[in-house]
Amino acid sequence: MAKKKTTSKRTQKKKQTSLTKLVVFSVLALLFVMLSVVVYQYRDGVLYYLGYKSKHSNTLSTKERELHDIRIYEVLTTYKEKTIGIDVSQYQGEVDWSEIKKVDGSFVVDFVIVRSTAGKDKVDEKFAHNWEKTKGKYIRGAYHYYRPNENSLLQAENFIKTVKLTKGDLPPILDIEKLPKTQSIDSLKVGLKRWLTKIEKHYKVKPIIYSGESYYNDFLKEEFSEYPFWIANYNFWRKEMDNDWLLWQFTEKAQVNGIKGLVDVNVYDGLKIELMEKCLK
């Protein structure tokens, strides 16, 4: 009789252990499925944050459009008393600036940042048009897309000969997103500092640096802390910008009247008059 009881207890214990394992496995499997669904639905933001995907995709499914519209509305509502802006390049095609007034039909566009140059010799195809059309209508700024494997001083010269900043314009902006293929990170930082120093000497104002948040945290935050930062973070759950950011690019998927494709939207955590005070005097 004692042996039968012992055997019965062992069997029961094995069953309980198996049941526990099954429950744990089921929970983990469910969590994995939920995480996979979330990552898939917000894959554009996740991939950009990690620096693996191009910024310019004009194709969205109905579900993706709904998700992005929700995020855009939530963030803009949070910053409805602040200052809203967009940034454009040749990827937006021919912009009808007479139609660029509001984002989501309610939030006034106060500033526009235009891509001017890239690398040592590239001039954005739409820069001259966009630069002229934004003059006097918005607070405007120009940015240079930095190519890590090209000479930094030649890149600075390309920007200087292309962009004539005047009173009321934002300081010049350096866009750095890519890691170098033919040099070390230390060499990249030397090149960035040379670009920034040459530009500051020419325009008599400290430039702004644009980058993704992960790139900023990993490579720029400490050594370039004296510069103002414009940070891209498209994380669906982020509702506010960090205090040490000047500007926050929170989406690349907005739709604005006057632009046929998608466009980036940015916020400045302050009033328009406060942003104007940071412009060239």
C-alpha atoms as a PDB file:
ATOM      1  CA  MET A   1       0.000   0.000   0.000  1.00  0.00           C
ATOM      2  CA  ALA A   2       2.839   2.416   0.845  1.00  0.00           C
ATOM      3  CA  LYS A   3       4.456   1.848  -2.538  1.00  0.00           C
ATOM      4  CA  LYS A   4       1.195   2.586  -4.344  1.00  0.00           C
ATOM      5  CA  LYS A   5       0.806   5.867  -2.433  1.00  0.00           C
ATOM      6  CA  THR A   6       4.390   6.886  -3.226  1.00  0.00           C
ATOM      7  CA  THR A   7       3.919   6.069  -6.886  1.00  0.00           C
ATOM      8  CA  SER A   8       0.661   8.020  -6.930  1.00  0.00           C
ATOM      9  CA  LYS A   9       2.328  11.080  -5.374  1.00  0.00           C
ATOM     10  CA  ARG A  10       5.161  10.940  -7.893  1.00  0.00           C
ATOM     11  CA  THR A  11       2.740  10.693 -10.775  1.00  0.00           C
ATOM     12  CA  GLN A  12       0.707  13.603  -9.447  1.00  0.00           C
ATOM     13  CA  LYS A  13       3.850  15.681  -8.978  1.00  0.00           C
ATOM     14  CA  LYS A  14       4.954  14.956 -12.545  1.00  0.00           C
ATOM     15  CA  LYS A  15       1.546  15.991 -13.824  1.00  0.00           C
ATOM     16  CA  GLN A  16       1.717  19.264 -11.859  1.00  0.00           C
ATOM     17  CA  THR A  17       5.222  19.948 -13.158  1.00  0.00           C
ATOM     18  CA  SER A  18       4.131  19.264 -16.730  1.00  0.00           C
ATOM     19  CA  LEU A  19       1.106  21.491 -16.293  1.00  0.00           C
ATOM     20  CA  THR A  20       3.277  24.301 -14.903  1.00  0.00           C
ATOM     21  CA  LYS A  21       5.679  24.004 -17.828  1.00  0.00           C
ATOM     22  CA  LEU A  22       2.772  24.037 -20.254  1.00  0.00           C
ATOM     23  CA  VAL A  23       1.353  27.195 -18.662  1.00  0.00           C
ATOM     24  CA  VAL A  24       4.737  28.922 -18.705  1.00  0.00           C
ATOM     25  CA  PHE A  25       5.314  27.914 -22.324  1.00  0.00           C
ATOM     26  CA  SER A  26       1.855  29.125 -23.318  1.00  0.00           C
ATOM     27  CA  VAL A  27       2.387  32.501 -21.627  1.00  0.00           C
ATOM     28  CA  LEU A  28       5.784  32.943 -23.250  1.00  0.00           C
ATOM     29  CA  ALA A  29       4.374  31.944 -26.632  1.00  0.00           C
ATOM     30  CA  LEU A  30       1.527  34.446 -26.241  1.00  0.00           C
ATOM     31  CA  LEU A  31       3.949  37.213 -25.269  1.00  0.00           C
ATOM     32  CA  PHE A  32       6.122  36.388 -28.257  1.00  0.00           C
ATOM     33  CA  VAL A  33       3.154  36.542 -30.623  1.00  0.00           C
ATOM     34  CA  MET A  34       1.995  39.865 -29.135  1.00  0.00           C
ATOM     35  CA  LEU A  35       5.504  41.310 -29.387  1.00  0.00           C
ATOM     36  CA  SER A  36       5.815  40.112 -32.981  1.00  0.00           C
ATOM     37  CA  VAL A  37       2.524  41.775 -33.900  1.00  0.00           C
ATOM     38  CA  VAL A  38       3.583  45.067 -32.281  1.00  0.00           C
ATOM     39  CA  VAL A  39       7.019  45.027 -33.911  1.00  0.00           C
ATOM     40  CA  TYR A  40       5.456  44.230 -37.292  1.00  0.00           C
ATOM     41  CA  GLN A  41       2.872  46.980 -37.070  1.00  0.00           C
ATOM     42  CA  TYR A  42       5.432  49.575 -35.978  1.00  0.00           C
ATOM     43  CA  ARG A  43       8.335  48.142 -37.970  1.00  0.00           C
ATOM     44  CA  ASP A  44       9.057  51.418 -39.790  1.00  0.00           C
ATOM     45  CA  GLY A  45       9.732  53.270 -36.546  1.00  0.00           C
ATOM     46  CA  VAL A  46      11.663  50.368 -35.013  1.00  0.00           C
ATOM     47  CA  LEU A  47      13.886  49.894 -38.065  1.00  0.00           C
ATOM     48  CA  TYR A  48      14.565  53.603 -38.436  1.00  0.00           C
ATOM     49  CA  TYR A  49      15.410  53.878 -34.745  1.00  0.00           C
ATOM     50  CA  LEU A  50      18.015  51.162 -35.217  1.00  0.00           C
ATOM     51  CA  GLY A  51      19.315  52.894 -38.318  1.00  0.00           C
ATOM     52  CA  TYR A  52      18.574  50.139 -40.820  1.00  0.00           C
ATOM     53  CA  LYS A  53      15.931  51.641 -43.110  1.00  0.00           C
ATOM     54  CA  SER A  54      15.674  54.539 -45.541  1.00  0.00           C
ATOM     55  CA  LYS A  55      13.495  57.418 -44.407  1.00  0.00           C
ATOM     56  CA  HIS A  56      11.490  57.810 -47.585  1.00  0.00           C
ATOM     57  CA  SER A  57       8.732  55.249 -48.126  1.00  0.00           C
ATOM     58  CA  ASN A  58       5.549  56.579 -49.676  1.00  0.00           C
ATOM     59  CA  THR A  59       3.514  53.377 -49.536  1.00  0.00           C
ATOM     60  CA  LEU A  60       1.300  52.717 -46.521  1.00  0.00           C
ATOM     61  CA  SER A  61      -1.448  50.197 -46.018  1.00  0.00           C
ATOM     62  CA  THR A  62      -4.797  51.366 -44.640  1.00  0.00           C
ATOM     63  CA  LYS A  63      -3.921  49.917 -41.229  1.00  0.00           C
ATOM     64  CA  GLU A  64      -0.514  51.615 -41.184  1.00  0.00           C
ATOM     65  CA  ARG A  65      -2.104  54.922 -42.198  1.00  0.00           C
ATOM     66  CA  GLU A  66      -4.532  54.665 -39.291  1.00  0.00           C
ATOM     67  CA  LEU A  67      -1.752  53.916 -36.803  1.00  0.00           C
ATOM     68  CA  HIS A  68       0.397  56.806 -37.983  1.00  0.00           C
ATOM     69  CA  ASP A  69      -2.552  59.202 -37.944  1.00  0.00           C
ATOM     70  CA  ILE A  70      -3.271  58.208 -34.333  1.00  0.00           C
ATOM     71  CA  ARG A  71       0.315  58.865 -33.301  1.00  0.00           C
ATOM     72  CA  ILE A  72       0.512  62.177 -35.160  1.00  0.00           C
ATOM     73  CA  TYR A  73      -2.692  63.418 -33.570  1.00  0.00           C
ATOM     74  CA  GLU A  74      -1.613  62.364 -30.057  1.00  0.00           C
ATOM     75  CA  VAL A  75       1.753  64.109 -30.266  1.00  0.00           C
ATOM     76  CA  LEU A  76       0.420  67.269 -31.884  1.00  0.00           C
ATOM     77  CA  THR A  77      -2.315  67.480 -29.263  1.00  0.00           C
ATOM     78  CA  THR A  78       0.355  67.265 -26.565  1.00  0.00           C
ATOM     79  CA  TYR A  79       2.206  70.157 -28.226  1.00  0.00           C
ATOM     80  CA  LYS A  80      -0.790  72.121 -29.491  1.00  0.00           C
ATOM     81  CA  GLU A  81       0.346  75.283 -27.668  1.00  0.00           C
ATOM     82  CA  LYS A  82       3.910  74.901 -28.962  1.00  0.00           C
ATOM     83  CA  THR A  83       5.567  75.246 -32.378  1.00  0.00           C
ATOM     84  CA  ILE A  84       5.088  72.785 -35.254  1.00  0.00           C
ATOM     85  CA  GLY A  85       7.183  72.382 -38.399  1.00  0.00           C
ATOM     86  CA  ILE A  86       7.966  70.124 -41.342  1.00  0.00           C
ATOM     87  CA  ASP A  87      11.142  69.308 -43.252  1.00  0.00           C
ATOM     88  CA  VAL A  88      11.357  68.662 -46.983  1.00  0.00           C
ATOM     89  CA  SER A  89      13.768  67.628 -49.700  1.00  0.00           C
ATOM     90  CA  GLN A  90      13.610  66.568 -53.327  1.00  0.00           C
ATOM     91  CA  TYR A  91      11.901  63.369 -52.152  1.00  0.00           C
ATOM     92  CA  GLN A  92       8.697  65.368 -51.609  1.00  0.00           C
ATOM     93  CA  GLY A  93       8.714  66.382 -55.269  1.00  0.00           C
ATOM     94  CA  GLU A  94       7.113  69.660 -56.317  1.00  0.00           C
ATOM     95  CA  VAL A  95       5.638  71.214 -53.181  1.00  0.00           C
ATOM     96  CA  ASP A  96       2.697  73.594 -53.537  1.00  0.00           C
ATOM     97  CA  TRP A  97       3.692  76.083 -50.851  1.00  0.00           C
ATOM     98  CA  SER A  98       0.430  78.004 -51.162  1.00  0.00           C
ATOM     99  CA  GLU A  99      -1.270  74.950 -49.630  1.00  0.00           C
ATOM    100  CA  ILE A 100       1.185  74.323 -46.775  1.00  0.00           C
ATOM    101  CA  LYS A 101      -0.688  75.705 -43.788  1.00  0.00           C
ATOM    102  CA  LYS A 102      -1.613  73.037 -41.263  1.00  0.00           C
ATOM    103  CA  VAL A 103      -0.848  69.465 -40.233  1.00  0.00           C
ATOM    104  CA  ASP A 104      -3.864  67.246 -39.641  1.00  0.00           C
ATOM    105  CA  GLY A 105      -6.106  70.187 -40.514  1.00  0.00           C
ATOM    106  CA  SER A 106      -5.672  71.857 -37.115  1.00  0.00           C
ATOM    107  CA  PHE A 107      -2.013  72.426 -36.285  1.00  0.00           C
ATOM    108  CA  VAL A 108      -0.353  75.432 -37.916  1.00  0.00           C
ATOM    109  CA  VAL A 109       3.003  74.942 -39.651  1.00  0.00           C
ATOM    110  CA  ASP A 110       5.317  77.615 -38.229  1.00  0.00           C
ATOM    111  CA  PHE A 111       8.724  76.429 -39.415  1.00  0.00           C
ATOM    112  CA  VAL A 112      10.142  74.569 -42.408  1.00  0.00           C
ATOM    113  CA  ILE A 113      13.558  72.968 -42.717  1.00  0.00           C
ATOM    114  CA  VAL A 114      14.836  72.337 -46.243  1.00  0.00           C
ATOM    115  CA  ARG A 115      17.568  69.981 -47.387  1.00  0.00           C
ATOM    116  CA  SER A 116      20.173  71.990 -49.236  1.00  0.00           C
ATOM    117  CA  THR A 117      23.162  69.755 -49.875  1.00  0.00           C
ATOM    118  CA  ALA A 118      24.602  66.287 -49.431  1.00  0.00           C
ATOM    119  CA  GLY A 119      28.232  65.279 -49.389  1.00  0.00           C
ATOM    120  CA  LYS A 120      30.938  67.272 -51.105  1.00  0.00           C
ATOM    121  CA  ASP A 121      29.094  68.107 -54.329  1.00  0.00           C
ATOM    122  CA  LYS A 122      25.389  67.271 -54.193  1.00  0.00           C
ATOM    123  CA  VAL A 123      22.804  70.076 -54.207  1.00  0.00           C
ATOM    124  CA  ASP A 124      19.213  69.067 -53.522  1.00  0.00           C
ATOM    125  CA  GLU A 125      17.236  69.322 -56.767  1.00  0.00           C
ATOM    126  CA  LYS A 126      14.406  71.241 -55.101  1.00  0.00           C
ATOM    127  CA  PHE A 127      16.443  73.396 -52.728  1.00  0.00           C
ATOM    128  CA  ALA A 128      16.397  76.650 -54.705  1.00  0.00           C
ATOM    129  CA  HIS A 129      12.632  76.435 -55.231  1.00  0.00           C
ATOM    130  CA  ASN A 130      11.829  75.423 -51.649  1.00  0.00           C
ATOM    131  CA  TRP A 131      14.210  77.973 -50.153  1.00  0.00           C
ATOM    132  CA  GLU A 132      12.717  80.827 -52.114  1.00  0.00           C
ATOM    133  CA  LYS A 133       9.107  79.820 -51.479  1.00  0.00           C
ATOM    134  CA  THR A 134       9.584  79.570 -47.693  1.00  0.00           C
ATOM    135  CA  LYS A 135      11.233  82.973 -47.367  1.00  0.00           C
ATOM    136  CA  GLY A 136       9.193  85.308 -45.179  1.00  0.00           C
ATOM    137  CA  LYS A 137       6.376  82.795 -44.828  1.00  0.00           C
ATOM    138  CA  TYR A 138       7.829  80.487 -42.192  1.00  0.00           C
ATOM    139  CA  ILE A 139      10.783  80.316 -39.885  1.00  0.00           C
ATOM    140  CA  ARG A 140      13.083  78.449 -42.259  1.00  0.00           C
ATOM    141  CA  GLY A 141      16.267  76.454 -41.965  1.00  0.00           C
ATOM    142  CA  ALA A 142      18.628  74.535 -44.248  1.00  0.00           C
ATOM    143  CA  TYR A 143      20.349  71.234 -43.565  1.00  0.00           C
ATOM    144  CA  HIS A 144      23.299  69.364 -45.021  1.00  0.00           C
ATOM    145  CA  TYR A 145      23.226  65.567 -45.316  1.00  0.00           C
ATOM    146  CA  TYR A 146      26.654  64.424 -44.150  1.00  0.00           C
ATOM    147  CA  ARG A 147      28.356  61.576 -45.982  1.00  0.00           C
ATOM    148  CA  PRO A 148      30.820  59.983 -43.529  1.00  0.00           C
ATOM    149  CA  ASN A 149      33.228  58.720 -46.188  1.00  0.00           C
ATOM    150  CA  GLU A 150      33.715  62.071 -47.931  1.00  0.00           C
ATOM    151  CA  ASN A 151      35.970  64.969 -46.981  1.00  0.00           C
ATOM    152  CA  SER A 152      34.314  67.047 -44.257  1.00  0.00           C
ATOM    153  CA  LEU A 153      35.775  70.406 -45.301  1.00  0.00           C
ATOM    154  CA  LEU A 154      34.662  69.939 -48.896  1.00  0.00           C
ATOM    155  CA  GLN A 155      31.206  69.136 -47.563  1.00  0.00           C
ATOM    156  CA  ALA A 156      31.226  72.335 -45.515  1.00  0.00           C
ATOM    157  CA  GLU A 157      32.256  74.331 -48.591  1.00  0.00           C
ATOM    158  CA  ASN A 158      29.403  72.773 -50.560  1.00  0.00           C
ATOM    159  CA  PHE A 159      26.929  73.996 -47.952  1.00  0.00           C
ATOM    160  CA  ILE A 160      28.471  77.469 -47.698  1.00  0.00           C
ATOM    161  CA  LYS A 161      28.421  78.154 -51.434  1.00  0.00           C
ATOM    162  CA  THR A 162      24.825  76.890 -51.706  1.00  0.00           C
ATOM    163  CA  VAL A 163      23.106  78.360 -48.643  1.00  0.00           C
ATOM    164  CA  LYS A 164      22.861  82.094 -47.978  1.00  0.00           C
ATOM    165  CA  LEU A 165      21.341  82.460 -44.527  1.00  0.00           C
ATOM    166  CA  THR A 166      19.787  85.772 -43.538  1.00  0.00           C
ATOM    167  CA  LYS A 167      18.306  87.350 -40.419  1.00  0.00           C
ATOM    168  CA  GLY A 168      15.448  85.240 -39.079  1.00  0.00           C
ATOM    169  CA  ASP A 169      16.711  81.928 -40.479  1.00  0.00           C
ATOM    170  CA  LEU A 170      17.518  79.000 -38.228  1.00  0.00           C
ATOM    171  CA  PRO A 171      21.202  78.190 -37.683  1.00  0.00           C
ATOM    172  CA  PRO A 172      22.754  75.806 -40.239  1.00  0.00           C
ATOM    173  CA  ILE A 173      21.979  72.139 -39.620  1.00  0.00           C
ATOM    174  CA  LEU A 174      24.175  69.049 -39.964  1.00  0.00           C
ATOM    175  CA  ASP A 175      22.323  65.788 -40.638  1.00  0.00           C
ATOM    176  CA  ILE A 176      24.382  62.758 -39.591  1.00  0.00           C
ATOM    177  CA  GLU A 177      22.720  59.345 -39.736  1.00  0.00           C
ATOM    178  CA  LYS A 178      25.176  56.863 -41.222  1.00  0.00           C
ATOM    179  CA  LEU A 179      28.233  55.120 -39.822  1.00  0.00           C
ATOM    180  CA  PRO A 180      31.461  55.246 -41.847  1.00  0.00           C
ATOM    181  CA  LYS A 181      32.579  52.289 -43.961  1.00  0.00           C
ATOM    182  CA  THR A 182      36.196  53.290 -44.480  1.00  0.00           C
ATOM    183  CA  GLN A 183      37.152  54.983 -41.208  1.00  0.00           C
ATOM    184  CA  SER A 184      36.802  54.657 -37.451  1.00  0.00           C
ATOM    185  CA  ILE A 185      34.201  56.348 -35.272  1.00  0.00           C
ATOM    186  CA  ASP A 186      36.936  58.567 -33.859  1.00  0.00           C
ATOM    187  CA  SER A 187      37.850  59.715 -37.372  1.00  0.00           C
ATOM    188  CA  LEU A 188      34.174  60.359 -38.099  1.00  0.00           C
ATOM    189  CA  LYS A 189      33.934  62.592 -35.031  1.00  0.00           C
ATOM    190  CA  VAL A 190      36.997  64.542 -36.138  1.00  0.00           C
ATOM    191  CA  GLY A 191      35.361  65.124 -39.511  1.00  0.00           C
ATOM    192  CA  LEU A 192      32.093  66.233 -37.907  1.00  0.00           C
ATOM    193  CA  LYS A 193      33.922  68.704 -35.696  1.00  0.00           C
ATOM    194  CA  ARG A 194      35.772  70.127 -38.702  1.00  0.00           C
ATOM    195  CA  TRP A 195      32.478  70.643 -40.545  1.00  0.00           C
ATOM    196  CA  LEU A 196      30.855  72.251 -37.523  1.00  0.00           C
ATOM    197  CA  THR A 197      33.840  74.509 -36.811  1.00  0.00           C
ATOM    198  CA  LYS A 198      34.101  75.739 -40.404  1.00  0.00           C
ATOM    199  CA  ILE A 199      30.359  76.382 -40.616  1.00  0.00           C
ATOM    200  CA  GLU A 200      30.268  78.215 -37.279  1.00  0.00           C
ATOM    201  CA  LYS A 201      33.177  80.394 -38.333  1.00  0.00           C
ATOM    202  CA  HIS A 202      31.433  81.318 -41.581  1.00  0.00           C
ATOM    203  CA  TYR A 203      27.896  81.959 -40.300  1.00  0.00           C
ATOM    204  CA  LYS A 204      28.884  83.234 -36.838  1.00  0.00           C
ATOM    205  CA  VAL A 205      26.442  80.912 -35.091  1.00  0.00           C
ATOM    206  CA  LYS A 206      26.640  77.437 -33.585  1.00  0.00           C
ATOM    207  CA  PRO A 207      25.093  74.823 -35.912  1.00  0.00           C
ATOM    208  CA  ILE A 208      22.332  72.380 -34.988  1.00  0.00           C
ATOM    209  CA  ILE A 209      22.965  68.629 -35.271  1.00  0.00           C
ATOM    210  CA  TYR A 210      20.259  66.260 -36.537  1.00  0.00           C
ATOM    211  CA  SER A 211      20.343  62.521 -35.888  1.00  0.00           C
ATOM    212  CA  GLY A 212      18.343  59.527 -34.717  1.00  0.00           C
ATOM    213  CA  GLU A 213      18.093  59.061 -30.957  1.00  0.00           C
ATOM    214  CA  SER A 214      20.138  55.854 -30.829  1.00  0.00           C
ATOM    215  CA  TYR A 215      22.909  57.415 -32.938  1.00  0.00           C
ATOM    216  CA  TYR A 216      22.783  60.514 -30.718  1.00  0.00           C
ATOM    217  CA  ASN A 217      23.064  58.486 -27.511  1.00  0.00           C
ATOM    218  CA  ASP A 218      25.799  56.183 -28.803  1.00  0.00           C
ATOM    219  CA  PHE A 219      28.098  58.587 -30.630  1.00  0.00           C
ATOM    220  CA  LEU A 220      27.203  62.261 -30.201  1.00  0.00           C
ATOM    221  CA  LYS A 221      25.639  63.104 -26.861  1.00  0.00           C
ATOM    222  CA  GLU A 222      28.804  63.420 -24.794  1.00  0.00           C
ATOM    223  CA  GLU A 223      31.391  64.844 -27.190  1.00  0.00           C
ATOM    224  CA  PHE A 224      29.015  67.249 -28.957  1.00  0.00           C
ATOM    225  CA  SER A 225      26.991  68.351 -25.950  1.00  0.00           C
ATOM    226  CA  GLU A 226      27.644  72.051 -26.627  1.00  0.00           C
ATOM    227  CA  TYR A 227      25.521  71.883 -29.782  1.00  0.00           C
ATOM    228  CA  PRO A 228      21.720  72.014 -29.967  1.00  0.00           C
ATOM    229  CA  PHE A 229      20.167  68.776 -31.220  1.00  0.00           C
ATOM    230  CA  TRP A 230      17.284  67.932 -33.506  1.00  0.00           C
ATOM    231  CA  ILE A 231      16.397  64.309 -32.764  1.00  0.00           C
ATOM    232  CA  ALA A 232      14.371  61.763 -34.719  1.00  0.00           C
ATOM    233  CA  ASN A 233      12.433  59.199 -32.706  1.00  0.00           C
ATOM    234  CA  TYR A 234       9.319  57.570 -34.164  1.00  0.00           C
ATOM    235  CA  ASN A 235       8.580  55.252 -31.240  1.00  0.00           C
ATOM    236  CA  PHE A 236       4.790  54.908 -31.050  1.00  0.00           C
ATOM    237  CA  TRP A 237       4.737  55.104 -27.250  1.00  0.00           C
ATOM    238  CA  ARG A 238       6.916  58.184 -26.881  1.00  0.00           C
ATOM    239  CA  LYS A 239       4.662  61.161 -26.176  1.00  0.00           C
ATOM    240  CA  GLU A 240       7.167  63.890 -25.369  1.00  0.00           C
ATOM    241  CA  MET A 241      10.656  65.028 -26.326  1.00  0.00           C
ATOM    242  CA  ASP A 242      13.608  65.014 -23.934  1.00  0.00           C
ATOM    243  CA  ASN A 243      14.598  68.281 -22.287  1.00  0.00           C
ATOM    244  CA  ASP A 244      18.006  68.362 -23.991  1.00  0.00           C
ATOM    245  CA  TRP A 245      16.531  68.255 -27.504  1.00  0.00           C
ATOM    246  CA  LEU A 246      15.925  71.488 -29.395  1.00  0.00           C
ATOM    247  CA  LEU A 247      13.602  69.859 -31.927  1.00  0.00           C
ATOM    248  CA  TRP A 248      11.892  66.486 -32.132  1.00  0.00           C
ATOM    249  CA  GLN A 249      11.091  64.778 -35.435  1.00  0.00           C
ATOM    250  CA  PHE A 250       8.392  62.392 -34.253  1.00  0.00           C
ATOM    251  CA  THR A 251       7.076  61.046 -37.565  1.00  0.00           C
ATOM    252  CA  GLU A 252       8.103  60.605 -41.187  1.00  0.00           C
ATOM    253  CA  LYS A 253       4.626  59.527 -42.287  1.00  0.00           C
ATOM    254  CA  ALA A 254       2.484  62.661 -42.165  1.00  0.00           C
ATOM    255  CA  GLN A 255       0.216  63.886 -44.938  1.00  0.00           C
ATOM    256  CA  VAL A 256      -0.021  67.630 -45.524  1.00  0.00           C
ATOM    257  CA  ASN A 257      -1.986  69.516 -48.165  1.00  0.00           C
ATOM    258  CA  GLY A 258       0.413  70.707 -50.838  1.00  0.00           C
ATOM    259  CA  ILE A 259       2.660  67.630 -50.649  1.00  0.00           C
ATOM    260  CA  LYS A 260       1.732  64.559 -52.689  1.00  0.00           C
ATOM    261  CA  GLY A 261       3.752  62.060 -50.690  1.00  0.00           C
ATOM    262  CA  LEU A 262       4.658  61.694 -47.041  1.00  0.00           C
ATOM    263  CA  VAL A 263       6.516  64.263 -44.975  1.00  0.00           C
ATOM    264  CA  ASP A 264       8.328  64.537 -41.639  1.00  0.00           C
ATOM    265  CA  VAL A 265       6.755  66.546 -38.816  1.00  0.00           C
ATOM    266  CA  ASN A 266       8.683  68.172 -35.986  1.00  0.00           C
ATOM    267  CA  VAL A 267       7.932  69.994 -32.755  1.00  0.00           C
ATOM    268  CA  TYR A 268       9.709  72.689 -30.785  1.00  0.00           C
ATOM    269  CA  ASP A 269       8.783  72.686 -27.107  1.00  0.00           C
ATOM    270  CA  GLY A 270       8.213  76.400 -26.903  1.00  0.00           C
ATOM    271  CA  LEU A 271       6.371  79.320 -28.446  1.00  0.00           C
ATOM    272  CA  LYS A 272       7.076  80.541 -31.974  1.00  0.00           C
ATOM    273  CA  ILE A 273       8.586  83.758 -30.638  1.00  0.00           C
ATOM    274  CA  GLU A 274      10.994  81.688 -28.527  1.00  0.00           C
ATOM    275  CA  LEU A 275      12.161  79.739 -31.579  1.00  0.00           C
ATOM    276  CA  MET A 276      12.612  83.014 -33.433  1.00  0.00           C
ATOM    277  CA  GLU A 277      15.002  84.129 -30.702  1.00  0.00           C
ATOM    278  CA  LYS A 278      17.274  81.214 -31.632  1.00  0.00           C
ATOM    279  CA  CYS A 279      17.460  82.352 -35.257  1.00  0.00           C
ATOM    280  CA  LEU A 280      20.161  84.461 -36.879  1.00  0.00           C
ATOM    281  CA  LYS A 281      20.177  88.081 -35.743  1.00  0.00           C
END
